[in-house]
Every structure is written in structure tokens, then in C-alpha cells.
């Protein structure tokens, strides 16, 4: 589903971009060398929450480790109870057996927004971003840990979801955990977890013994501890407690952020996490294998890392459909059709004959710019699998811009790129965005549509007009609300009626797809 950016998202991004007071991590570049299979990386952070997806072994956890090692800390800084130091070093993450070869000849650049550094000339006015380097020469050690910017950083791995009933220390101390000093943020944590899980917690606090802690809550007349909490409930209390314990401007690094949470709770979690990040100026970098997590974040907060011809490649702004088609690697189709959003996908699915539809894979990429970038990547990699990028109709007038963007992304394009690009693109009918085209055409086949959606023609005319006035990409939310149906059902009904009525407008596109299939065969 195409992400509908909210006003809160815009405010969070603006605030993140202009915040030089909390030493926010803006970019990581692996300049030289290889770390645990990761041989290239250039990732920029433009939003306070960043999610990284990819197959196992692609390098997701390595990126998290690099983020943790961007900062140092004071001795009195925050640390997890069972950690010795208040900061992380590469030895915390890159551990070798005697038979393994340690990383050597590695150079990493960190770009950090810091109000004590002079601005970099290449960056916008007012943005004070400095660069720090970490090096490990052959046979040497990592350089100058103590010179790093000071900041509270916390890494929470997958052990956070291990139930207390399965933790040997918790079981050993089950009878001796006792109250600890109230920290003052317990109610905020209680409310945050309650909003995610839909529970009205009456009370929440931590019990302690030695370096170990145990959450305990009250719901109604029932009191229960971490021994009887679900894995996800335990994890949520730990995550939100850690954020508030760290104080303002901390970096929280999470491995597989969705662990222990069902799909609805994942969406609520990200929503509440946005609020908490706004309140505390916390930056979150995480990995995920969840479609729901990606769908809850703006495109510039999503990254996909993969191995292509043995080399690391990271893609920004990926749609969840595209990411999870890569993760699934489902074979069987002969031609890839790349589209901007789910509306374009629905139009194609309802307009293509079954004989063609069964032979193609339609993948949502996210935007016209993302389509151009993907074409550039396909060309550079020299991929043999046939692919067509189907742009929205309103992109016809912007073909030169999309071509230029794609060509700029190709350092060494294969063959005649101008000709290659022209043969690998096409457009949906019309000269406007797909929602507007569908609704405008729907007004021209009102009788057929009236039967399809069980609505009187006069009322349907008014409803379609409401939809057109709702604004770009909001048309079907308004129409569905007026019809009293789900948006997806509304979109499909209108798309099927319109594409059937105006099938002649699809003949050039269908012919192009048929030719691509024939060439593939």
C-alpha cells in the first residue's frame, strides 16, 4: 500500500533535519574493507526511525553494529545493567574464533549533526554536520575510541523477548526480587505499552536484585510479573523503559524490532514510538522482517540490503511489496512489471487478459523516482530477466526528468542507455495520476458502475464528485467512506468496471507487454 505521509511525519523529519543539539547520526559510509560480508555501505538517516530489511546474511546486523560504534560515552553515562561499559566498541560485535581472520584495512566514516562543529561547505546552510573516521589497519587496532562524540547508545538484541520464566537468573532470584527506587517515568512507560497492547494498566514498576530486574504490573484486580507476561509485553516494557532511562537525544538500536508482536500491535508500536521519539529526541535504527513495520514508516525511512553478484547493495525508499517479493524470491513468472503504487497494480490486474496476467509479476516500487532508480540498477547489474517499468499517466510529460535521473544513477551504463530506457518503460492510460483517471472515467460509465457498487446513479455521481474533490491520492478513501465499503473493495470494483468499459485505451500497453513476453520466450 502506498504510504500516506502524515503531518506528524513531516514535523518529525523537519525536526530531525534541524536538530544539531542531540548529536544525531546522519550518515554511515564504509569507505574501505569488508566487515562480516558487508563490502559497501552508504546510508543516510533523514527520519528519527529507520528500518532496514533484507535476507539473512545480507549485512543488516552489521549495520546496527556500525551505528552503535559511532559514539563514545562518559563513565557516568547510561548503560544496560549487565554491561561493563557505557559505550560500545567493535569487539562487542565482531568476535572471531582463532581460526577466523579478523577484519583489516577497514575505514568507516560517520557524519553526525553536532552544534560544536563547523558546518560542512557541501551541506545546506545552518546544518552543522561533522565527520569522524574509524580505521583498522592491517595488524592494528581500531583508532581513537575516546575521540568519538559522547552520547548514550543502547543496543537491544533478540534476547529481550526471552521470557523471564526461561531466564536462569530470573528463575534463581524469583523470590528475592524487591522494589527499587521509583525513576519517575514509570507512568509514561505504562501508558505507552498499554496503548500498543490495548490494556489499561493500573500500575507498573520494576523489581530488582543485583544486576537483574523484573517488571510487575496491575490490570484491574490482577497483579502479575514478567514471569507471566508474553514475550512481546516483556519486550515493550524493556524498550520504552530504556528510552526514558537514557534521557534526551539517545540512540536506540534494535535487532528485529517486531519480535513478539502481532501485526496490529506492530503498527501501534511504531505509532507510539514516533510520539516517544518526538518527545525525547531519540533516534531509532532497527532491522525488520515485517511488512507491517515498513508500511508504517515513510519511504525515506526504509532501506533494503542485499547481495548482488557478490556485492552489497542498499536500496532506499523501497515499497513493502518490492522488499518482500525479494525476500520470498517466488519463481514462475516470465516478466516483471514495476509500478508506482497499488492503484496502478490494481489497474493492470483488472485490464490484463488472464493469459498475460498469469505470466507476469507486478511489483509496487513506490514512486516514479524509485522506478527510475530501479531501472538504473537493473541496467548496471546487467540483469537478464525481462522487466518493464509502467509509470503513471501523469509521468508522460516528465519522461526526460525520469530518464535523466535514471542515467545519473548509472556510473557505467550497459550499452546504449537512451535506447535501452525507452524500450523498458511504458505508461498507464491518461495524462493524470491513476486515481483521478479512474474516477473521471467512472463518471462516463455511471450506469455500469451503479450496478457494480449497488448505488443509485444520481447518488453515485455525487459520491464520485466528492472523491475528485478529496485531493490527490485521497479519492478512494472518500468514495469508499461514502459507499460504506472498504477502500480496497471500492478500488477494485471501480477499476474492473472502468478497465472493461475503456479496454481500447489499454491496447498499446498490452501489446508492449505481449511483445516483451514473446522476446522473453
Protein backbone atom coordinates (compact mmCIF):
# COMPACT_ATOMS: atom_id res chain seq x y z
CA UNK A 1 0.00 0.00 0.00
CA UNK A 2 1.27 3.45 -0.86
CA UNK A 3 2.34 5.29 2.29
CA UNK A 4 0.24 8.34 3.14
CA UNK A 5 2.63 10.70 4.89
CA UNK A 6 1.02 12.45 7.84
CA UNK A 7 1.60 15.90 9.23
CA UNK A 8 3.36 14.23 12.16
CA UNK A 9 5.80 12.54 9.76
CA UNK A 10 6.61 15.89 8.17
CA UNK A 11 7.12 17.50 11.56
CA UNK A 12 9.35 14.65 12.75
CA UNK A 13 11.50 14.85 9.63
CA UNK A 14 11.81 18.63 9.82
CA UNK A 15 12.72 18.49 13.47
CA UNK A 16 15.26 15.72 12.85
CA UNK A 17 16.84 17.66 9.97
CA UNK A 18 17.26 20.84 12.01
CA UNK A 19 18.38 19.25 15.30
CA UNK A 20 22.07 19.89 15.95
CA UNK A 21 21.78 19.72 19.73
CA UNK A 22 21.47 15.94 20.17
CA UNK A 23 24.37 14.63 18.03
CA UNK A 24 22.09 12.73 15.66
CA UNK A 25 23.64 10.18 13.33
CA UNK A 26 23.09 11.35 9.75
CA UNK A 27 25.19 9.01 7.61
CA UNK A 28 27.45 5.95 7.70
CA UNK A 29 29.88 5.22 4.87
CA UNK A 30 32.05 2.12 4.63
CA UNK A 31 34.94 3.58 2.66
CA UNK A 32 37.30 0.62 2.61
CA UNK A 33 37.42 -3.02 3.55
CA UNK A 34 34.88 -5.68 4.42
CA UNK A 35 33.06 -6.33 7.68
CA UNK A 36 31.33 -9.68 8.12
CA UNK A 37 30.46 -9.84 4.42
CA UNK A 38 29.42 -6.19 4.13
CA UNK A 39 31.71 -4.69 1.50
CA UNK A 40 29.92 -1.43 0.65
CA UNK A 41 27.64 0.91 2.55
CA UNK A 42 26.41 4.46 2.20
CA UNK A 43 23.28 5.02 4.25
CA UNK A 44 21.78 8.38 5.21
CA UNK A 45 19.29 8.95 8.01
CA UNK A 46 16.59 11.55 7.34
CA UNK A 47 13.93 10.46 9.81
CA UNK A 48 14.18 9.60 13.54
CA UNK A 49 13.20 5.96 12.96
CA UNK A 50 15.00 3.89 10.32
CA UNK A 51 14.15 0.29 9.40
CA UNK A 52 16.49 -1.98 7.44
CA UNK A 53 15.18 -5.13 5.76
CA UNK A 54 16.98 -7.88 3.87
CA UNK A 55 17.67 -11.58 3.69
CA UNK A 56 19.65 -13.39 6.36
CA UNK A 57 23.35 -12.73 5.94
CA UNK A 58 22.90 -9.60 3.83
CA UNK A 59 24.50 -7.34 6.44
CA UNK A 60 21.60 -5.91 8.48
CA UNK A 61 23.12 -6.72 11.87
CA UNK A 62 26.48 -5.39 10.72
CA UNK A 63 24.89 -2.00 10.00
CA UNK A 64 23.43 -1.97 13.51
CA UNK A 65 26.86 -2.71 14.94
CA UNK A 66 28.40 0.14 12.95
CA UNK A 67 25.72 2.51 14.26
CA UNK A 68 26.42 1.51 17.88
CA UNK A 69 30.13 2.17 17.41
CA UNK A 70 29.61 5.71 16.12
CA UNK A 71 29.75 7.18 19.64
CA UNK A 72 31.67 7.12 22.89
CA UNK A 73 30.25 7.98 26.32
CA UNK A 74 31.18 9.36 29.71
CA UNK A 75 31.75 6.97 32.62
CA UNK A 76 28.52 8.10 34.24
CA UNK A 77 26.50 7.68 31.04
CA UNK A 78 23.67 5.19 30.72
CA UNK A 79 24.42 1.51 30.35
CA UNK A 80 22.32 -1.61 30.50
CA UNK A 81 22.56 -3.30 33.93
CA UNK A 82 24.65 -6.25 32.75
CA UNK A 83 27.11 -4.22 30.67
CA UNK A 84 30.57 -3.23 31.88
CA UNK A 85 30.96 -0.10 29.74
CA UNK A 86 28.67 2.82 28.90
CA UNK A 87 29.74 2.63 25.26
CA UNK A 88 30.28 0.04 22.54
CA UNK A 89 33.40 -0.99 20.67
CA UNK A 90 33.79 -3.15 17.60
CA UNK A 91 34.90 -6.06 19.77
CA UNK A 92 31.37 -6.12 21.23
CA UNK A 93 30.03 -7.21 17.84
CA UNK A 94 32.89 -8.52 15.70
CA UNK A 95 34.15 -11.54 17.60
CA UNK A 96 36.40 -14.13 16.00
CA UNK A 97 37.38 -17.68 16.75
CA UNK A 98 41.08 -18.40 16.49
CA UNK A 99 40.51 -19.94 13.05
CA UNK A 100 38.77 -16.83 11.74
CA UNK A 101 40.55 -13.87 10.15
CA UNK A 102 39.77 -10.55 11.88
CA UNK A 103 38.74 -7.57 9.69
CA UNK A 104 41.66 -5.49 8.46
CA UNK A 105 42.15 -2.49 6.22
CA UNK A 106 38.75 -1.06 7.19
CA UNK A 107 37.76 2.62 7.15
CA UNK A 108 34.35 3.91 8.23
CA UNK A 109 33.06 7.48 8.06
CA UNK A 110 30.37 8.79 10.40
CA UNK A 111 28.53 12.03 9.75
CA UNK A 112 26.99 13.47 12.92
CA UNK A 113 24.89 16.61 13.45
CA UNK A 114 26.73 18.39 16.21
CA UNK A 115 26.33 22.01 17.29
CA UNK A 116 30.01 22.29 18.26
CA UNK A 117 31.28 21.54 14.77
CA UNK A 118 31.54 23.93 11.89
CA UNK A 119 29.18 23.19 9.04
CA UNK A 120 30.49 21.24 6.07
CA UNK A 121 30.59 23.50 2.96
CA UNK A 122 28.75 20.95 0.78
CA UNK A 123 25.80 20.80 3.17
CA UNK A 124 22.86 23.24 3.44
CA UNK A 125 23.26 26.43 5.41
CA UNK A 126 22.63 26.03 9.10
CA UNK A 127 23.37 22.32 9.17
CA UNK A 128 26.36 21.68 11.41
CA UNK A 129 27.47 18.20 10.42
CA UNK A 130 30.90 16.87 11.24
CA UNK A 131 32.73 13.77 10.08
CA UNK A 132 34.63 11.24 12.15
CA UNK A 133 36.63 8.26 10.88
CA UNK A 134 37.26 4.87 12.39
CA UNK A 135 40.15 2.88 10.97
CA UNK A 136 41.64 -0.55 11.49
CA UNK A 137 44.87 -1.02 9.64
CA UNK A 138 46.32 -4.42 8.85
CA UNK A 139 47.52 -5.99 12.08
CA UNK A 140 46.41 -2.96 14.09
CA UNK A 141 43.55 -1.91 16.34
CA UNK A 142 40.61 0.40 15.85
CA UNK A 143 41.74 4.00 16.27
CA UNK A 144 40.85 6.65 18.83
CA UNK A 145 37.72 5.34 20.53
CA UNK A 146 37.89 8.09 23.14
CA UNK A 147 37.73 10.84 20.49
CA UNK A 148 34.21 9.87 19.49
CA UNK A 149 31.24 12.15 20.19
CA UNK A 150 29.69 11.44 23.60
CA UNK A 151 26.17 10.02 23.57
CA UNK A 152 24.00 7.39 25.26
CA UNK A 153 23.69 4.41 22.90
CA UNK A 154 21.81 1.20 23.68
CA UNK A 155 21.68 -1.99 21.66
CA UNK A 156 18.75 -4.33 22.33
CA UNK A 157 19.14 -7.71 20.67
CA UNK A 158 16.76 -10.61 20.33
CA UNK A 159 17.40 -11.77 23.91
CA UNK A 160 14.88 -9.11 25.03
CA UNK A 161 12.00 -11.41 24.06
CA UNK A 162 13.23 -14.38 26.13
CA UNK A 163 10.56 -14.81 28.85
CA UNK A 164 11.71 -14.38 32.43
CA UNK A 165 10.45 -17.92 33.06
CA UNK A 166 13.19 -19.13 30.68
CA UNK A 167 15.98 -16.93 32.07
CA UNK A 168 18.07 -18.86 34.58
CA UNK A 169 18.95 -15.73 36.59
CA UNK A 170 15.32 -14.62 36.87
CA UNK A 171 14.26 -18.09 37.97
CA UNK A 172 17.06 -18.22 40.55
CA UNK A 173 16.09 -14.84 42.03
CA UNK A 174 12.30 -15.25 41.68
CA UNK A 175 11.74 -15.00 45.46
CA UNK A 176 14.19 -12.20 46.23
CA UNK A 177 13.31 -9.50 43.68
CA UNK A 178 12.31 -6.36 45.59
CA UNK A 179 11.15 -2.80 44.87
CA UNK A 180 13.67 -0.34 43.52
CA UNK A 181 13.68 3.44 43.68
CA UNK A 182 10.96 4.95 41.51
CA UNK A 183 12.51 6.70 38.50
CA UNK A 184 9.63 8.98 37.61
CA UNK A 185 8.96 7.71 34.08
CA UNK A 186 7.02 4.57 35.05
CA UNK A 187 3.62 6.07 34.17
CA UNK A 188 4.87 7.10 30.71
CA UNK A 189 6.08 3.55 30.05
CA UNK A 190 2.82 2.08 31.39
CA UNK A 191 0.76 4.30 29.08
CA UNK A 192 2.97 3.59 26.06
CA UNK A 193 2.79 -0.19 26.44
CA UNK A 194 -0.91 0.00 27.24
CA UNK A 195 -1.63 1.93 24.03
CA UNK A 196 0.23 -0.69 21.98
CA UNK A 197 -1.43 -3.72 23.55
CA UNK A 198 -4.82 -2.15 24.24
CA UNK A 199 -4.59 -2.69 28.00
CA UNK A 200 -5.41 -0.39 30.89
CA UNK A 201 -2.50 -0.90 33.28
CA UNK A 202 -3.27 0.42 36.74
CA UNK A 203 0.33 0.30 37.86
CA UNK A 204 3.80 -0.60 36.58
CA UNK A 205 7.17 -0.77 38.28
CA UNK A 206 10.40 -2.75 38.20
CA UNK A 207 11.66 -5.07 40.90
CA UNK A 208 15.41 -5.59 41.26
CA UNK A 209 18.03 -7.95 42.60
CA UNK A 210 21.73 -7.47 41.91
CA UNK A 211 22.03 -6.57 38.18
CA UNK A 212 18.71 -8.10 37.24
CA UNK A 213 15.23 -6.61 37.04
CA UNK A 214 11.68 -7.89 36.74
CA UNK A 215 8.65 -5.88 35.53
CA UNK A 216 5.43 -6.12 37.52
CA UNK A 217 2.06 -4.66 36.54
CA UNK A 218 -1.52 -4.40 37.69
CA UNK A 219 -4.51 -4.80 35.35
CA UNK A 220 -7.81 -4.44 37.17
CA UNK A 221 -7.60 -6.53 40.32
CA UNK A 222 -4.85 -8.75 38.93
CA UNK A 223 -1.14 -8.24 39.57
CA UNK A 224 1.41 -10.21 37.55
CA UNK A 225 5.13 -10.06 36.85
CA UNK A 226 7.39 -10.67 33.89
CA UNK A 227 7.20 -14.40 34.65
CA UNK A 228 3.62 -14.38 33.35
CA UNK A 229 3.93 -11.79 30.59
CA UNK A 230 4.03 -12.59 26.91
CA UNK A 231 7.35 -12.18 25.12
CA UNK A 232 6.10 -9.09 23.31
CA UNK A 233 4.78 -7.49 26.51
CA UNK A 234 8.13 -8.01 28.23
CA UNK A 235 9.95 -6.56 25.21
CA UNK A 236 7.76 -3.45 25.08
CA UNK A 237 8.35 -2.66 28.74
CA UNK A 238 12.09 -3.04 28.23
CA UNK A 239 12.16 -0.88 25.08
CA UNK A 240 10.15 2.04 26.44
CA UNK A 241 11.84 1.86 29.86
CA UNK A 242 15.23 2.00 28.16
CA UNK A 243 14.27 5.06 26.10
CA UNK A 244 13.12 7.02 29.14
CA UNK A 245 16.08 5.82 31.24
CA UNK A 246 18.58 7.05 28.64
CA UNK A 247 17.31 10.60 28.63
CA UNK A 248 17.01 13.04 25.75
CA UNK A 249 18.84 12.53 22.47
CA UNK A 250 19.86 8.89 22.83
CA UNK A 251 20.39 6.35 20.05
CA UNK A 252 18.41 3.11 20.39
CA UNK A 253 19.50 0.25 18.14
CA UNK A 254 17.07 -2.68 17.85
CA UNK A 255 17.52 -6.03 16.17
CA UNK A 256 14.27 -7.32 14.59
CA UNK A 257 12.05 -4.65 16.11
CA UNK A 258 8.81 -6.58 15.58
CA UNK A 259 9.75 -9.67 17.62
CA UNK A 260 6.98 -10.92 19.89
CA UNK A 261 4.29 -8.61 18.48
CA UNK A 262 1.33 -9.49 16.26
CA UNK A 263 0.65 -7.39 13.15
CA UNK A 264 -1.79 -4.92 14.74
CA UNK A 265 0.47 -4.39 17.74
CA UNK A 266 3.42 -3.73 15.41
CA UNK A 267 1.52 -0.87 13.77
CA UNK A 268 0.50 0.58 17.13
CA UNK A 269 4.08 0.20 18.38
CA UNK A 270 5.53 2.27 15.53
CA UNK A 271 2.82 4.89 16.01
CA UNK A 272 3.62 5.24 19.72
CA UNK A 273 7.36 5.08 19.05
CA UNK A 274 7.02 8.13 16.79
CA UNK A 275 5.40 10.03 19.66
CA UNK A 276 8.09 8.99 22.13
CA UNK A 277 10.91 9.85 19.70
CA UNK A 278 9.35 13.28 19.23
CA UNK A 279 9.14 13.76 23.00
CA UNK A 280 12.66 12.53 23.84
CA UNK A 281 14.61 13.34 20.65
CA UNK A 282 15.53 9.65 20.47
CA UNK A 283 16.88 8.22 17.22
CA UNK A 284 15.99 4.59 16.46
CA UNK A 285 17.76 2.34 13.95
CA UNK A 286 16.39 -1.17 13.59
CA UNK A 287 16.21 -4.24 11.40
CA UNK A 288 12.97 -5.95 10.43
CA UNK A 289 11.43 -8.84 8.56
CA UNK A 290 7.95 -7.34 8.90
CA UNK A 291 5.83 -5.90 6.11
CA UNK A 292 3.77 -4.01 8.72
CA UNK A 293 6.82 -2.23 10.12
CA UNK A 294 7.87 -0.97 6.68
CA UNK A 295 4.32 0.09 5.83
CA UNK A 296 4.18 2.25 8.98
CA UNK A 297 7.25 4.30 8.02
CA UNK A 298 7.83 6.94 5.31
CA UNK A 299 9.75 5.80 2.24
CA UNK A 300 12.95 7.65 3.21
CA UNK A 301 12.99 5.69 6.49
CA UNK A 302 13.10 2.28 4.74
CA UNK A 303 16.16 0.51 3.38
CA UNK A 304 16.70 -2.88 1.80
CA UNK A 305 20.14 -4.51 1.76
CA UNK A 306 21.03 -7.43 -0.47
CA UNK A 307 23.89 -9.20 -2.18
CA UNK A 308 24.00 -8.67 -5.95
CA UNK A 309 26.71 -10.56 -7.81
CA UNK A 310 28.52 -10.97 -4.50
CA UNK A 311 28.48 -7.25 -3.71
CA UNK A 312 26.48 -5.42 -1.05
CA UNK A 313 23.73 -3.14 -2.39
CA UNK A 314 21.40 -0.96 -0.32
CA UNK A 315 18.16 0.47 -1.72
CA UNK A 316 16.39 3.44 -0.13
CA UNK A 317 12.64 4.11 -0.28
CA UNK A 318 11.63 0.56 -1.10
CA UNK A 319 7.97 -0.46 -1.03
CA UNK A 320 7.00 -3.35 1.21
CA UNK A 321 5.69 -5.27 -1.83
CA UNK A 322 9.03 -4.98 -3.59
CA UNK A 323 11.02 -5.79 -0.44
CA UNK A 324 9.03 -8.90 0.36
CA UNK A 325 8.96 -10.12 -3.22
CA UNK A 326 12.76 -10.08 -2.95
CA UNK A 327 12.65 -11.87 0.39
CA UNK A 328 10.24 -14.50 -0.93
CA UNK A 329 12.05 -14.96 -4.25
CA UNK A 330 8.93 -16.54 -5.75
CA UNK A 331 9.75 -18.03 -9.19
CA UNK A 332 7.44 -18.97 -12.06
CA UNK A 333 6.66 -15.75 -13.95
CA UNK A 334 8.33 -14.62 -17.16
CA UNK A 335 8.18 -10.83 -16.96
CA UNK A 336 8.47 -8.28 -14.14
CA UNK A 337 6.16 -5.27 -14.29
CA UNK A 338 7.21 -2.49 -11.91
CA UNK A 339 4.60 0.11 -10.93
CA UNK A 340 4.43 3.11 -8.62
CA UNK A 341 1.67 2.08 -6.21
CA UNK A 342 -1.16 -0.36 -5.50
CA UNK A 343 -3.65 1.66 -7.57
CA UNK A 344 -1.51 1.16 -10.67
CA UNK A 345 -1.17 -2.52 -9.78
CA UNK A 346 -4.96 -2.88 -9.48
CA UNK A 347 -5.48 -1.20 -12.86
CA UNK A 348 -3.04 -3.60 -14.51
CA UNK A 349 -4.53 -6.66 -12.82
CA UNK A 350 -8.05 -5.74 -13.98
CA UNK A 351 -7.03 -4.74 -17.52
CA UNK A 352 -4.69 -7.59 -18.49
CA UNK A 353 -6.13 -10.77 -20.03
CA UNK A 354 -5.75 -13.88 -17.89
CA UNK A 355 -3.30 -15.41 -20.38
CA UNK A 356 -0.95 -12.48 -19.78
CA UNK A 357 -1.72 -11.89 -16.11
CA UNK A 358 -0.63 -15.41 -15.19
CA UNK A 359 2.76 -14.87 -16.83
CA UNK A 360 3.78 -11.59 -15.18
CA UNK A 361 4.75 -10.47 -11.69
CA UNK A 362 3.56 -6.96 -10.77
CA UNK A 363 5.60 -5.28 -8.06
CA UNK A 364 4.92 -1.94 -6.34
CA UNK A 365 8.10 0.15 -6.17
CA UNK A 366 6.89 3.33 -4.51
CA UNK A 367 7.28 6.38 -6.78
CA UNK A 368 8.34 7.50 -10.25
CA UNK A 369 11.78 8.35 -8.90
CA UNK A 370 12.09 4.91 -7.34
CA UNK A 371 11.09 3.32 -10.68
CA UNK A 372 13.83 5.27 -12.44
CA UNK A 373 16.37 4.23 -9.80
CA UNK A 374 15.34 0.59 -10.11
CA UNK A 375 15.74 0.67 -13.90
CA UNK A 376 19.20 2.14 -13.44
CA UNK A 377 20.13 -0.67 -11.05
CA UNK A 378 18.81 -3.32 -13.46
CA UNK A 379 20.88 -1.86 -16.29
CA UNK A 380 24.09 -1.58 -14.26
CA UNK A 381 23.76 -5.14 -12.96
CA UNK A 382 23.08 -6.40 -16.48
CA UNK A 383 20.10 -8.44 -15.29
CA UNK A 384 18.75 -10.82 -17.92
CA UNK A 385 15.21 -11.14 -16.52
CA UNK A 386 12.78 -9.13 -18.70
CA UNK A 387 11.39 -6.05 -16.95
CA UNK A 388 9.04 -3.19 -17.82
CA UNK A 389 8.52 -0.12 -15.65
CA UNK A 390 4.95 1.12 -16.01
CA UNK A 391 4.79 4.77 -14.98
CA UNK A 392 1.58 6.58 -14.07
CA UNK A 393 -0.03 8.56 -16.89
CA UNK A 394 0.97 11.92 -15.43
CA UNK A 395 4.65 10.94 -15.81
CA UNK A 396 4.49 11.10 -19.63
CA UNK A 397 5.30 14.79 -19.55
CA UNK A 398 8.18 14.09 -17.17
CA UNK A 399 9.87 11.34 -19.19
CA UNK A 400 13.01 13.42 -19.72
CA UNK A 401 13.30 14.04 -15.96
CA UNK A 402 12.91 10.33 -15.17
CA UNK A 403 15.38 9.40 -17.89
CA UNK A 404 17.93 11.91 -16.60
CA UNK A 405 17.53 10.65 -13.05
CA UNK A 406 18.00 7.03 -14.13
CA UNK A 407 21.04 7.85 -16.25
CA UNK A 408 22.63 9.88 -13.44
CA UNK A 409 22.31 6.81 -11.21
CA UNK A 410 24.31 4.70 -13.69
CA UNK A 411 28.03 5.11 -13.25
CA UNK A 412 28.75 2.69 -16.10
CA UNK A 413 25.54 2.06 -18.09
CA UNK A 414 25.41 -1.06 -20.24
CA UNK A 415 25.07 -0.42 -23.97
CA UNK A 416 23.05 2.46 -25.44
CA UNK A 417 21.21 3.60 -22.31
CA UNK A 418 18.91 6.01 -24.17
CA UNK A 419 17.55 3.23 -26.36
CA UNK A 420 17.51 0.70 -23.51
CA UNK A 421 15.50 3.03 -21.24
CA UNK A 422 12.93 3.77 -23.94
CA UNK A 423 12.25 0.07 -24.54
CA UNK A 424 11.90 -0.71 -20.83
CA UNK A 425 9.19 1.82 -19.94
CA UNK A 426 5.51 2.39 -20.68
CA UNK A 427 2.61 4.31 -19.21
CA UNK A 428 -0.89 3.79 -17.88
CA UNK A 429 -3.65 5.47 -19.91
CA UNK A 430 -4.44 9.14 -19.40
CA UNK A 431 -2.36 12.16 -18.53
CA UNK A 432 -3.11 12.36 -14.82
CA UNK A 433 -2.48 10.20 -11.76
CA UNK A 434 -4.29 6.82 -11.70
CA UNK A 435 -6.91 7.64 -9.04
CA UNK A 436 -8.06 10.75 -10.89
CA UNK A 437 -8.13 8.90 -14.22
CA UNK A 438 -10.24 6.09 -12.76
CA UNK A 439 -12.76 8.42 -11.14
CA UNK A 440 -13.04 10.64 -14.23
CA UNK A 441 -13.63 7.60 -16.42
CA UNK A 442 -16.08 6.22 -13.85
CA UNK A 443 -18.31 9.25 -14.37
CA UNK A 444 -18.55 8.22 -18.05
CA UNK A 445 -19.81 4.70 -17.30
CA UNK A 446 -22.05 5.55 -14.39
CA UNK A 447 -24.79 3.03 -15.23
CA UNK A 448 -22.46 0.02 -15.32
CA UNK A 449 -20.71 1.17 -12.17
CA UNK A 450 -24.01 1.76 -10.39
CA UNK A 451 -24.82 -1.93 -10.67
CA UNK A 452 -21.32 -2.99 -9.64
CA UNK A 453 -21.37 -1.00 -6.39
CA UNK A 454 -25.14 -1.23 -5.70
CA UNK A 455 -25.69 2.53 -5.62
CA UNK A 456 -28.27 4.71 -7.38
CA UNK A 457 -26.81 6.65 -10.29
CA UNK A 458 -27.65 10.14 -9.01
CA UNK A 459 -26.14 9.42 -5.60
CA UNK A 460 -23.11 7.77 -7.23
CA UNK A 461 -22.48 10.89 -9.34
CA UNK A 462 -22.31 12.99 -6.19
CA UNK A 463 -20.06 10.46 -4.47
CA UNK A 464 -17.62 10.43 -7.39
CA UNK A 465 -17.56 14.22 -7.33
CA UNK A 466 -16.76 14.13 -3.59
CA UNK A 467 -13.91 11.80 -4.44
CA UNK A 468 -12.44 14.13 -7.05
CA UNK A 469 -12.53 16.99 -4.59
CA UNK A 470 -10.80 14.97 -1.84
CA UNK A 471 -7.34 15.70 -3.21
CA UNK A 472 -4.57 13.73 -4.88
CA UNK A 473 -4.35 10.09 -3.72
CA UNK A 474 -7.28 10.60 -1.31
CA UNK A 475 -10.04 9.94 -3.86
CA UNK A 476 -10.81 6.33 -2.95
CA UNK A 477 -10.72 6.92 0.79
CA UNK A 478 -13.56 9.43 0.34
CA UNK A 479 -15.53 7.34 -2.17
CA UNK A 480 -15.25 4.20 -0.05
CA UNK A 481 -16.43 6.10 3.01
CA UNK A 482 -19.48 7.43 1.13
CA UNK A 483 -20.29 3.97 -0.25
CA UNK A 484 -19.83 2.30 3.12
CA UNK A 485 -17.24 -0.23 1.91
CA UNK A 486 -13.52 -0.89 2.38
CA UNK A 487 -11.19 1.17 0.21
CA UNK A 488 -9.68 -1.91 -1.48
CA UNK A 489 -13.14 -3.23 -2.42
CA UNK A 490 -14.13 0.19 -3.77
CA UNK A 491 -10.92 0.49 -5.81
CA UNK A 492 -11.28 -2.97 -7.30
CA UNK A 493 -14.95 -2.50 -8.25
CA UNK A 494 -14.32 0.81 -9.98
CA UNK A 495 -11.13 -0.42 -11.66
CA UNK A 496 -12.84 -3.53 -13.06
CA UNK A 497 -15.76 -1.51 -14.45
CA UNK A 498 -13.59 1.23 -15.95
CA UNK A 499 -10.94 -1.03 -17.48
CA UNK A 500 -13.63 -3.24 -19.01
CA UNK A 501 -15.50 -0.24 -20.45
CA UNK A 502 -12.42 1.53 -21.76
CA UNK A 503 -10.37 -1.53 -22.72
CA UNK A 504 -9.37 0.08 -26.04
CA UNK A 505 -7.14 2.51 -24.15
CA UNK A 506 -5.02 -0.39 -22.90
CA UNK A 507 -4.30 -1.94 -26.32
CA UNK A 508 -0.86 -0.23 -26.81
CA UNK A 509 0.29 -1.17 -23.30
CA UNK A 510 -0.95 -4.76 -23.58
CA UNK A 511 0.75 -5.06 -26.96
CA UNK A 512 4.04 -3.87 -25.44
CA UNK A 513 3.73 -6.43 -22.64
CA UNK A 514 2.92 -9.21 -25.12
CA UNK A 515 5.99 -8.33 -27.21
CA UNK A 516 8.17 -8.37 -24.08
CA UNK A 517 6.81 -11.81 -23.19
CA UNK A 518 7.45 -13.08 -26.73
CA UNK A 519 11.01 -11.75 -26.63
CA UNK A 520 11.49 -13.44 -23.27
CA UNK A 521 10.31 -16.74 -24.70
